[in-house]
C-alpha atoms as a PDB file:
ATOM      1  CA  MET A   1     107.867 102.014  84.223  1.00  0.00           C
ATOM      2  CA  PHE A   2     109.060 102.528  87.930  1.00  0.00           C
ATOM      3  CA  SER A   3     112.584 101.241  88.745  1.00  0.00           C
ATOM      4  CA  LEU A   4     115.097 100.811  90.990  1.00  0.00           C
ATOM      5  CA  LYS A   5     118.924 100.369  91.104  1.00  0.00           C
ATOM      6  CA  ALA A   6     120.326  98.009  93.203  1.00  0.00           C
ATOM      7  CA  ASP A   7     124.079  98.867  91.868  1.00  0.00           C
ATOM      8  CA  PRO A   8     125.567  99.703  88.832  1.00  0.00           C
ATOM      9  CA  GLU A   9     124.907  95.986  87.235  1.00  0.00           C
ATOM     10  CA  LEU A  10     121.346  95.650  89.226  1.00  0.00           C
ATOM     11  CA  SER A  11     118.345  96.957  88.560  1.00  0.00           C
ATOM     12  CA  LEU A  12     114.674  96.134  89.280  1.00  0.00           C
ATOM     13  CA  HIS A  13     111.832  96.697  86.910  1.00  0.00           C
ATOM     14  CA  LEU A  14     108.268  96.828  87.778  1.00  0.00           C
ATOM     15  CA  PHE A  15     106.693  94.414  85.745  1.00  0.00           C
ATOM     16  CA  ASP A  16     104.357  95.151  82.564  1.00  0.00           C
ATOM     17  CA  THR A  17     103.141  93.049  79.664  1.00  0.00           C
ATOM     18  CA  ARG A  18     105.883  94.618  77.081  1.00  0.00           C
ATOM     19  CA  VAL A  19     108.544  91.468  79.007  1.00  0.00           C
ATOM     20  CA  ALA A  20     105.574  88.705  78.611  1.00  0.00           C
ATOM     21  CA  GLY A  21     107.637  86.996  76.199  1.00  0.00           C
ATOM     22  CA  GLU A  22     110.905  87.484  77.633  1.00  0.00           C
ATOM     23  CA  LEU A  23     109.532  86.393  81.045  1.00  0.00           C
ATOM     24  CA  PHE A  24     107.772  83.322  79.661  1.00  0.00           C
ATOM     25  CA  TRP A  25     111.047  82.284  78.075  1.00  0.00           C
ATOM     26  CA  LEU A  26     113.220  82.910  81.395  1.00  0.00           C
ATOM     27  CA  LEU A  27     110.502  80.704  83.501  1.00  0.00           C
ATOM     28  CA  ASP A  28     110.217  77.945  80.379  1.00  0.00           C
ATOM     29  CA  SER A  29     114.330  77.782  80.536  1.00  0.00           C
ATOM     30  CA  ASN A  30     114.485  77.322  84.167  1.00  0.00           C
ATOM     31  CA  ARG A  31     111.044  75.009  84.826  1.00  0.00           C
ATOM     32  CA  SER A  32     112.660  72.086  86.074  1.00  0.00           C
ATOM     33  CA  TYR A  33     114.981  73.873  88.319  1.00  0.00           C
ATOM     34  CA  LEU A  34     112.040  76.562  88.948  1.00  0.00           C
ATOM     35  CA  ARG A  35     109.689  73.661  89.773  1.00  0.00           C
ATOM     36  CA  LYS A  36     110.959  72.408  92.723  1.00  0.00           C
ATOM     37  CA  TRP A  37     110.532  75.516  94.708  1.00  0.00           C
ATOM     38  CA  MET A  38     107.666  77.148  93.005  1.00  0.00           C
ATOM     39  CA  PRO A  39     104.287  75.923  93.019  1.00  0.00           C
ATOM     40  CA  TRP A  40     102.687  77.903  90.076  1.00  0.00           C
ATOM     41  CA  VAL A  41     105.553  77.085  87.422  1.00  0.00           C
ATOM     42  CA  ASP A  42     104.030  74.401  85.935  1.00  0.00           C
ATOM     43  CA  GLY A  43     100.620  76.120  85.489  1.00  0.00           C
ATOM     44  CA  ILE A  44     102.326  78.645  82.705  1.00  0.00           C
ATOM     45  CA  HIS A  45     102.546  77.449  79.402  1.00  0.00           C
ATOM     46  CA  SER A  46     102.313  80.275  76.985  1.00  0.00           C
ATOM     47  CA  PRO A  47     103.364  84.155  76.486  1.00  0.00           C
ATOM     48  CA  GLY A  48      99.579  84.827  76.869  1.00  0.00           C
ATOM     49  CA  GLN A  49      99.209  83.334  80.167  1.00  0.00           C
ATOM     50  CA  ILE A  50     102.352  85.132  81.975  1.00  0.00           C
ATOM     51  CA  SER A  51     100.734  88.445  80.287  1.00  0.00           C
ATOM     52  CA  THR A  52      97.680  87.496  82.378  1.00  0.00           C
ATOM     53  CA  VAL A  53      99.587  87.138  85.038  1.00  0.00           C
ATOM     54  CA  ILE A  54     101.824  90.689  84.503  1.00  0.00           C
ATOM     55  CA  GLN A  55      98.340  92.066  84.266  1.00  0.00           C
ATOM     56  CA  MET A  56      97.265  91.309  87.709  1.00  0.00           C
ATOM     57  CA  TRP A  57     100.859  92.266  89.339  1.00  0.00           C
ATOM     58  CA  GLU A  58     100.092  95.572  87.559  1.00  0.00           C
ATOM     59  CA  LYS A  59      96.465  95.785  88.930  1.00  0.00           C
ATOM     60  CA  SER A  60      97.584  94.705  92.422  1.00  0.00           C
ATOM     61  CA  SER A  61     100.168  97.593  91.738  1.00  0.00           C
ATOM     62  CA  ARG A  62      98.046 100.489  91.217  1.00  0.00           C
ATOM     63  CA  GLU A  63      96.330  99.027  94.133  1.00  0.00           C
ATOM     64  CA  GLY A  64      99.361  99.177  96.310  1.00  0.00           C
ATOM     65  CA  SER A  65      98.900  95.381  97.652  1.00  0.00           C
ATOM     66  CA  SER A  66     101.980  94.067  95.787  1.00  0.00           C
ATOM     67  CA  PHE A  67     104.734  95.199  93.989  1.00  0.00           C
ATOM     68  CA  HIS A  68     106.332  92.486  91.504  1.00  0.00           C
ATOM     69  CA  PHE A  69     109.642  93.273  89.755  1.00  0.00           C
ATOM     70  CA  GLY A  70     111.856  91.696  86.884  1.00  0.00           C
ATOM     71  CA  ILE A  71     115.581  91.765  88.353  1.00  0.00           C
ATOM     72  CA  ARG A  72     117.707  93.062  85.405  1.00  0.00           C
ATOM     73  CA  TYR A  73     121.519  92.014  84.933  1.00  0.00           C
ATOM     74  CA  ARG A  74     123.343  94.038  82.629  1.00  0.00           C
ATOM     75  CA  GLY A  75     120.474  94.329  81.322  1.00  0.00           C
ATOM     76  CA  VAL A  76     119.291  90.792  80.974  1.00  0.00           C
ATOM     77  CA  LEU A  77     116.310  89.079  82.412  1.00  0.00           C
ATOM     78  CA  ALA A  78     117.864  87.093  85.609  1.00  0.00           C
ATOM     79  CA  GLY A  79     114.715  86.765  87.799  1.00  0.00           C
ATOM     80  CA  SER A  80     112.100  88.147  89.852  1.00  0.00           C
ATOM     81  CA  ILE A  81     111.534  89.457  93.375  1.00  0.00           C
ATOM     82  CA  SER A  82     108.076  91.008  94.765  1.00  0.00           C
ATOM     83  CA  LEU A  83     107.070  92.828  97.598  1.00  0.00           C
ATOM     84  CA  HIS A  84     103.751  91.206  98.090  1.00  0.00           C
ATOM     85  CA  ALA A  85     100.775  90.437 101.063  1.00  0.00           C
ATOM     86  CA  ILE A  86     101.594  93.872 102.103  1.00  0.00           C
ATOM     87  CA  ASP A  87      99.556  95.092 105.051  1.00  0.00           C
ATOM     88  CA  TRP A  88      99.632  98.843 105.596  1.00  0.00           C
ATOM     89  CA  ASN A  89      97.808  98.974 108.687  1.00  0.00           C
ATOM     90  CA  ASN A  90     100.282  96.579 110.394  1.00  0.00           C
ATOM     91  CA  SER A  91     103.016  97.994 108.023  1.00  0.00           C
ATOM     92  CA  GLN A  92     104.596  95.043 107.214  1.00  0.00           C
ATOM     93  CA  ALA A  93     105.090  92.888 103.932  1.00  0.00           C
ATOM     94  CA  SER A  94     106.625  89.801 102.762  1.00  0.00           C
ATOM     95  CA  ILE A  95     109.396  89.353  99.683  1.00  0.00           C
ATOM     96  CA  GLY A  96     109.769  86.622  97.388  1.00  0.00           C
ATOM     97  CA  TYR A  97     112.027  85.994  94.850  1.00  0.00           C
ATOM     98  CA  TYR A  98     113.814  83.411  92.310  1.00  0.00           C
ATOM     99  CA  ILE A  99     117.024  84.136  89.941  1.00  0.00           C
ATOM    100  CA  ALA A 100     117.583  81.732  86.658  1.00  0.00           C
ATOM    101  CA  GLU A 101     119.985  78.640  87.622  1.00  0.00           C
ATOM    102  CA  ASN A 102     122.505  80.126  85.391  1.00  0.00           C
ATOM    103  CA  TRP A 103     122.439  83.428  87.584  1.00  0.00           C
ATOM    104  CA  GLN A 104     123.360  81.726  90.267  1.00  0.00           C
ATOM    105  CA  GLY A 105     126.520  82.058  92.559  1.00  0.00           C
ATOM    106  CA  ARG A 106     126.922  85.905  91.641  1.00  0.00           C
ATOM    107  CA  GLY A 107     125.145  87.374  94.364  1.00  0.00           C
ATOM    108  CA  ILE A 108     122.496  88.646  92.397  1.00  0.00           C
ATOM    109  CA  THR A 109     120.150  87.824  94.853  1.00  0.00           C
ATOM    110  CA  VAL A 110     121.463  89.105  98.073  1.00  0.00           C
ATOM    111  CA  ARG A 111     121.627  92.685  96.578  1.00  0.00           C
ATOM    112  CA  THR A 112     118.499  92.582  94.642  1.00  0.00           C
ATOM    113  CA  VAL A 113     117.127  91.432  97.996  1.00  0.00           C
ATOM    114  CA  LYS A 114     118.950  94.017  99.931  1.00  0.00           C
ATOM    115  CA  ALA A 115     117.728  96.983  97.201  1.00  0.00           C
ATOM    116  CA  MET A 116     114.109  95.612  97.598  1.00  0.00           C
ATOM    117  CA  ILE A 117     114.594  96.031 102.000  1.00  0.00           C
ATOM    118  CA  ASP A 118     116.029  99.479 101.261  1.00  0.00           C
ATOM    119  CA  HIS A 119     112.754 100.526  99.471  1.00  0.00           C
ATOM    120  CA  ALA A 120     110.213  98.846 101.757  1.00  0.00           C
ATOM    121  CA  PHE A 121     111.615 100.217 104.890  1.00  0.00           C
ATOM    122  CA  TYR A 122     113.057 103.281 103.965  1.00  0.00           C
ATOM    123  CA  GLY A 123     110.373 103.817 100.565  1.00  0.00           C
ATOM    124  CA  HIS A 124     107.141 102.703 102.329  1.00  0.00           C
ATOM    125  CA  ARG A 125     108.177 103.145 105.706  1.00  0.00           C
ATOM    126  CA  LEU A 126     106.885  99.391 106.310  1.00  0.00           C
ATOM    127  CA  ASN A 127     108.383  98.392 110.046  1.00  0.00           C
ATOM    128  CA  ARG A 128     108.530  94.551 109.249  1.00  0.00           C
ATOM    129  CA  ILE A 129     110.061  92.262 106.249  1.00  0.00           C
ATOM    130  CA  GLU A 130     109.099  88.729 106.052  1.00  0.00           C
ATOM    131  CA  ILE A 131     110.609  85.928 103.849  1.00  0.00           C
ATOM    132  CA  ARG A 132     109.577  82.234 103.732  1.00  0.00           C
ATOM    133  CA  CYS A 133     111.730  79.462 102.099  1.00  0.00           C
ATOM    134  CA  GLY A 134     111.425  75.693 101.722  1.00  0.00           C
ATOM    135  CA  LYS A 135     112.817  73.883 104.559  1.00  0.00           C
ATOM    136  CA  ASP A 136     114.823  72.042 102.267  1.00  0.00           C
ATOM    137  CA  ASN A 137     116.426  75.358 100.363  1.00  0.00           C
ATOM    138  CA  HIS A 138     118.937  75.786 101.060  1.00  0.00           C
ATOM    139  CA  ARG A 139     120.250  78.250  98.783  1.00  0.00           C
ATOM    140  CA  SER A 140     117.049  80.812  99.497  1.00  0.00           C
ATOM    141  CA  ARG A 141     117.316  80.356 103.062  1.00  0.00           C
ATOM    142  CA  ALA A 142     120.851  81.663 103.120  1.00  0.00           C
ATOM    143  CA  ILE A 143     119.861  84.839 101.457  1.00  0.00           C
ATOM    144  CA  PRO A 144     117.721  85.967 104.764  1.00  0.00           C
ATOM    145  CA  VAL A 145     120.762  84.623 107.185  1.00  0.00           C
ATOM    146  CA  LYS A 146     122.950  86.698 105.043  1.00  0.00           C
ATOM    147  CA  LEU A 147     121.097  89.765 105.547  1.00  0.00           C
ATOM    148  CA  GLY A 148     120.661  89.756 109.373  1.00  0.00           C
ATOM    149  CA  PHE A 149     117.048  88.251 109.375  1.00  0.00           C
ATOM    150  CA  THR A 150     116.098  86.403 112.519  1.00  0.00           C
ATOM    151  CA  GLN A 151     114.490  82.779 111.831  1.00  0.00           C
ATOM    152  CA  GLU A 152     110.908  83.053 113.634  1.00  0.00           C
ATOM    153  CA  GLY A 153     109.501  79.476 112.651  1.00  0.00           C
ATOM    154  CA  VAL A 154     108.425  76.695 110.817  1.00  0.00           C
ATOM    155  CA  ILE A 155     104.990  76.269 109.394  1.00  0.00           C
ATOM    156  CA  ARG A 156     104.466  72.809 108.993  1.00  0.00           C
ATOM    157  CA  ASP A 157     103.168  71.760 105.833  1.00  0.00           C
ATOM    158  CA  GLY A 158     102.535  75.396 104.486  1.00  0.00           C
ATOM    159  CA  GLU A 159     103.018  75.080 100.928  1.00  0.00           C
ATOM    160  CA  TYR A 160     101.786  72.054  98.848  1.00  0.00           C
ATOM    161  CA  LEU A 161     104.242  71.339  95.951  1.00  0.00           C
ATOM    162  CA  ASN A 162     104.632  68.920  93.359  1.00  0.00           C
ATOM    163  CA  GLY A 163     101.926  66.749  95.357  1.00  0.00           C
ATOM    164  CA  ASN A 164     103.623  66.747  98.869  1.00  0.00           C
ATOM    165  CA  PHE A 165     102.976  69.131 101.649  1.00  0.00           C
ATOM    166  CA  HIS A 166     106.507  71.016 102.455  1.00  0.00           C
ATOM    167  CA  ASP A 167     107.809  72.660 105.433  1.00  0.00           C
ATOM    168  CA  LEU A 168     108.617  76.894 105.044  1.00  0.00           C
ATOM    169  CA  VAL A 169     110.477  78.173 107.591  1.00  0.00           C
ATOM    170  CA  VAL A 170     109.767  81.681 108.403  1.00  0.00           C
ATOM    171  CA  TYR A 171     112.393  84.855 108.437  1.00  0.00           C
ATOM    172  CA  GLY A 172     111.583  88.297 110.058  1.00  0.00           C
ATOM    173  CA  LEU A 173     113.283  91.653 109.600  1.00  0.00           C
ATOM    174  CA  LEU A 174     112.431  95.012 111.727  1.00  0.00           C
ATOM    175  CA  ALA A 175     113.198  98.483 110.261  1.00  0.00           C
ATOM    176  CA  ARG A 176     114.694  99.351 113.761  1.00  0.00           C
ATOM    177  CA  GLU A 177     117.261  95.951 112.847  1.00  0.00           C
ATOM    178  CA  TRP A 178     117.869  97.159 109.454  1.00  0.00           C
ATOM    179  CA  LYS A 179     118.953 100.402 110.248  1.00  0.00           C
ATOM    180  CA  ASN A 180     121.584  99.223 113.207  1.00  0.00           C
ATOM    181  CA  ARG A 181     123.149  97.020 110.877  1.00  0.00           C
END
Protein backbone atom coordinates (compact mmCIF):
# COMPACT_ATOMS: atom_id res chain seq x y z
CA MET A 1 0.00 0.00 0.00
CA PHE A 2 1.46 3.35 -1.09
CA SER A 3 1.62 5.95 1.65
CA LEU A 4 2.87 9.48 2.27
CA LYS A 5 4.08 10.83 5.58
CA ALA A 6 2.80 14.38 6.16
CA ASP A 7 4.41 14.74 9.59
CA PRO A 8 5.01 12.55 12.67
CA GLU A 9 1.27 12.45 13.52
CA LEU A 10 -0.19 12.35 10.05
CA SER A 11 0.04 9.91 7.16
CA LEU A 12 -1.84 9.29 3.92
CA HIS A 13 -2.48 5.76 2.62
CA LEU A 14 -3.95 4.80 -0.73
CA PHE A 15 -7.29 3.17 -0.01
CA ASP A 16 -7.70 -0.55 -0.52
CA THR A 17 -10.64 -2.82 0.23
CA ARG A 18 -9.15 -3.95 3.55
CA VAL A 19 -10.28 -0.65 5.09
CA ALA A 20 -13.85 -0.70 3.70
CA GLY A 21 -15.42 -1.35 7.09
CA GLU A 22 -13.37 1.36 8.77
CA LEU A 23 -14.18 3.88 6.03
CA PHE A 24 -17.87 3.00 6.13
CA TRP A 25 -17.91 3.54 9.91
CA LEU A 26 -16.23 6.95 9.44
CA LEU A 27 -18.78 7.99 6.79
CA ASP A 28 -21.75 6.58 8.66
CA SER A 29 -20.83 8.15 11.99
CA ASN A 30 -20.34 11.54 10.28
CA ARG A 31 -23.19 11.24 7.80
CA SER A 32 -25.26 14.19 9.08
CA TYR A 33 -22.20 16.46 8.99
CA LEU A 34 -20.75 15.28 5.67
CA ARG A 35 -24.01 15.27 3.73
CA LYS A 36 -24.12 19.07 3.95
CA TRP A 37 -21.23 19.26 1.46
CA MET A 38 -20.82 15.85 -0.16
CA PRO A 39 -23.58 14.72 -2.51
CA TRP A 40 -22.54 11.07 -2.63
CA VAL A 41 -22.61 10.30 1.12
CA ASP A 42 -26.33 9.45 1.25
CA GLY A 43 -25.82 6.84 -1.47
CA ILE A 44 -23.51 4.71 0.71
CA HIS A 45 -25.43 2.35 3.01
CA SER A 46 -23.05 -0.57 3.66
CA PRO A 47 -19.39 -1.56 3.84
CA GLY A 48 -20.02 -3.57 0.65
CA GLN A 49 -20.96 -0.42 -1.24
CA ILE A 50 -17.87 1.42 -0.06
CA SER A 51 -15.79 -1.64 -0.97
CA THR A 52 -17.08 -1.33 -4.56
CA VAL A 53 -16.16 2.36 -4.56
CA ILE A 54 -12.67 1.55 -3.25
CA GLN A 55 -12.24 -0.99 -6.06
CA MET A 56 -13.00 1.80 -8.55
CA TRP A 57 -10.46 4.01 -6.77
CA GLU A 58 -7.84 1.25 -6.94
CA LYS A 59 -8.45 0.92 -10.68
CA SER A 60 -8.17 4.68 -11.20
CA SER A 61 -4.90 4.67 -9.24
CA ARG A 62 -3.48 1.94 -11.48
CA GLU A 63 -4.57 3.95 -14.53
CA GLY A 64 -3.13 7.18 -13.09
CA SER A 65 -6.39 9.13 -13.39
CA SER A 66 -6.84 9.72 -9.65
CA PHE A 67 -5.41 8.77 -6.27
CA HIS A 68 -7.63 8.44 -3.18
CA PHE A 69 -5.95 8.41 0.23
CA GLY A 70 -7.16 7.80 3.75
CA ILE A 71 -5.96 10.39 6.25
CA ARG A 72 -4.58 8.76 9.38
CA TYR A 73 -4.09 10.96 12.42
CA ARG A 74 -2.13 9.15 15.13
CA GLY A 75 -3.05 5.90 13.38
CA VAL A 76 -6.81 6.51 13.28
CA LEU A 77 -8.70 7.04 10.01
CA ALA A 78 -9.84 10.66 10.26
CA GLY A 79 -10.79 11.55 6.69
CA SER A 80 -9.91 11.33 3.04
CA ILE A 81 -8.04 13.30 0.41
CA SER A 82 -7.80 12.75 -3.31
CA LEU A 83 -5.81 13.95 -6.24
CA HIS A 84 -8.36 13.55 -9.02
CA ALA A 85 -9.37 14.78 -12.46
CA ILE A 86 -5.71 14.41 -13.38
CA ASP A 87 -5.02 15.85 -16.81
CA TRP A 88 -1.53 14.66 -17.71
CA ASN A 89 -1.54 16.52 -21.05
CA ASN A 90 -2.04 19.85 -19.32
CA SER A 91 -0.19 18.89 -16.13
CA GLN A 92 -3.03 19.70 -13.76
CA ALA A 93 -5.35 18.07 -11.23
CA SER A 94 -7.87 18.78 -8.50
CA ILE A 95 -7.66 18.07 -4.79
CA GLY A 96 -10.70 17.08 -2.76
CA TYR A 97 -10.82 16.37 0.97
CA TYR A 98 -12.98 15.85 4.02
CA ILE A 99 -12.25 15.35 7.68
CA ALA A 100 -14.53 13.82 10.31
CA GLU A 101 -16.24 16.42 12.44
CA ASN A 102 -14.57 15.28 15.68
CA TRP A 103 -11.06 15.69 14.18
CA GLN A 104 -11.53 19.28 13.05
CA GLY A 105 -9.68 22.19 14.61
CA ARG A 106 -6.31 20.40 14.87
CA GLY A 107 -4.77 21.57 11.60
CA ILE A 108 -5.09 18.09 10.10
CA THR A 109 -6.65 19.23 6.83
CA VAL A 110 -4.15 22.03 6.16
CA ARG A 111 -1.21 19.69 6.83
CA THR A 112 -2.76 16.96 4.70
CA VAL A 113 -3.47 19.25 1.75
CA LYS A 114 0.06 20.64 2.01
CA ALA A 115 1.47 17.09 1.77
CA MET A 116 -0.76 16.37 -1.24
CA ILE A 117 0.38 19.58 -2.96
CA ASP A 118 4.01 18.57 -2.42
CA HIS A 119 3.23 15.12 -3.83
CA ALA A 120 1.46 16.60 -6.87
CA PHE A 121 4.11 19.19 -7.70
CA TYR A 122 7.28 17.31 -6.74
CA GLY A 123 6.24 13.68 -7.11
CA HIS A 124 4.08 13.96 -10.23
CA ARG A 125 5.58 17.17 -11.65
CA LEU A 126 2.17 18.74 -12.15
CA ASN A 127 1.95 22.45 -12.90
CA ARG A 128 -1.49 23.39 -11.58
CA ILE A 129 -3.72 22.29 -8.71
CA GLU A 130 -7.35 23.27 -8.30
CA ILE A 131 -9.61 23.06 -5.27
CA ARG A 132 -13.37 23.58 -5.52
CA CYS A 133 -15.38 24.33 -2.39
CA GLY A 134 -19.04 25.00 -1.74
CA LYS A 135 -19.54 28.75 -1.56
CA ASP A 136 -21.02 28.49 1.93
CA ASN A 137 -18.49 25.93 3.20
CA HIS A 138 -16.30 28.47 4.97
CA ARG A 139 -14.15 25.91 6.81
CA SER A 140 -13.24 24.17 3.57
CA ARG A 141 -12.65 27.46 1.77
CA ALA A 142 -10.18 28.53 4.48
CA ILE A 143 -7.80 25.70 3.50
CA PRO A 144 -6.78 26.91 0.01
CA VAL A 145 -6.65 30.50 1.28
CA LYS A 146 -4.22 29.49 4.08
CA LEU A 147 -2.07 27.63 1.55
CA GLY A 148 -1.74 30.54 -0.89
CA PHE A 149 -4.20 29.53 -3.59
CA THR A 150 -5.77 32.23 -5.74
CA GLN A 151 -9.54 32.46 -5.90
CA GLU A 152 -10.15 32.18 -9.63
CA GLY A 153 -13.91 32.36 -9.84
CA VAL A 154 -17.29 30.88 -9.02
CA ILE A 155 -19.05 28.11 -10.89
CA ARG A 156 -22.68 29.09 -10.56
CA ASP A 157 -24.94 26.14 -9.69
CA GLY A 158 -21.86 23.94 -10.02
CA GLU A 159 -23.08 21.17 -7.74
CA TYR A 160 -26.42 19.54 -7.09
CA LEU A 161 -26.63 18.80 -3.39
CA ASN A 162 -29.57 17.79 -1.21
CA GLY A 163 -32.15 18.79 -3.79
CA ASN A 164 -30.66 22.17 -4.67
CA PHE A 165 -27.94 23.60 -6.87
CA HIS A 166 -25.06 25.31 -5.09
CA ASP A 167 -22.25 27.56 -6.27
CA LEU A 168 -18.66 26.32 -6.15
CA VAL A 169 -15.68 28.60 -5.52
CA VAL A 170 -12.62 27.65 -7.58
CA TYR A 171 -9.11 28.12 -6.20
CA GLY A 172 -5.93 27.52 -8.18
CA LEU A 173 -2.24 27.17 -7.37
CA LEU A 174 0.70 26.92 -9.78
CA ALA A 175 3.89 24.99 -9.11
CA ARG A 176 6.02 28.14 -9.44
CA GLU A 177 3.87 29.87 -6.80
CA TRP A 178 4.32 26.95 -4.41
CA LYS A 179 8.10 26.88 -4.90
CA ASN A 180 8.30 30.60 -4.20
CA ARG A 181 6.52 30.38 -0.83
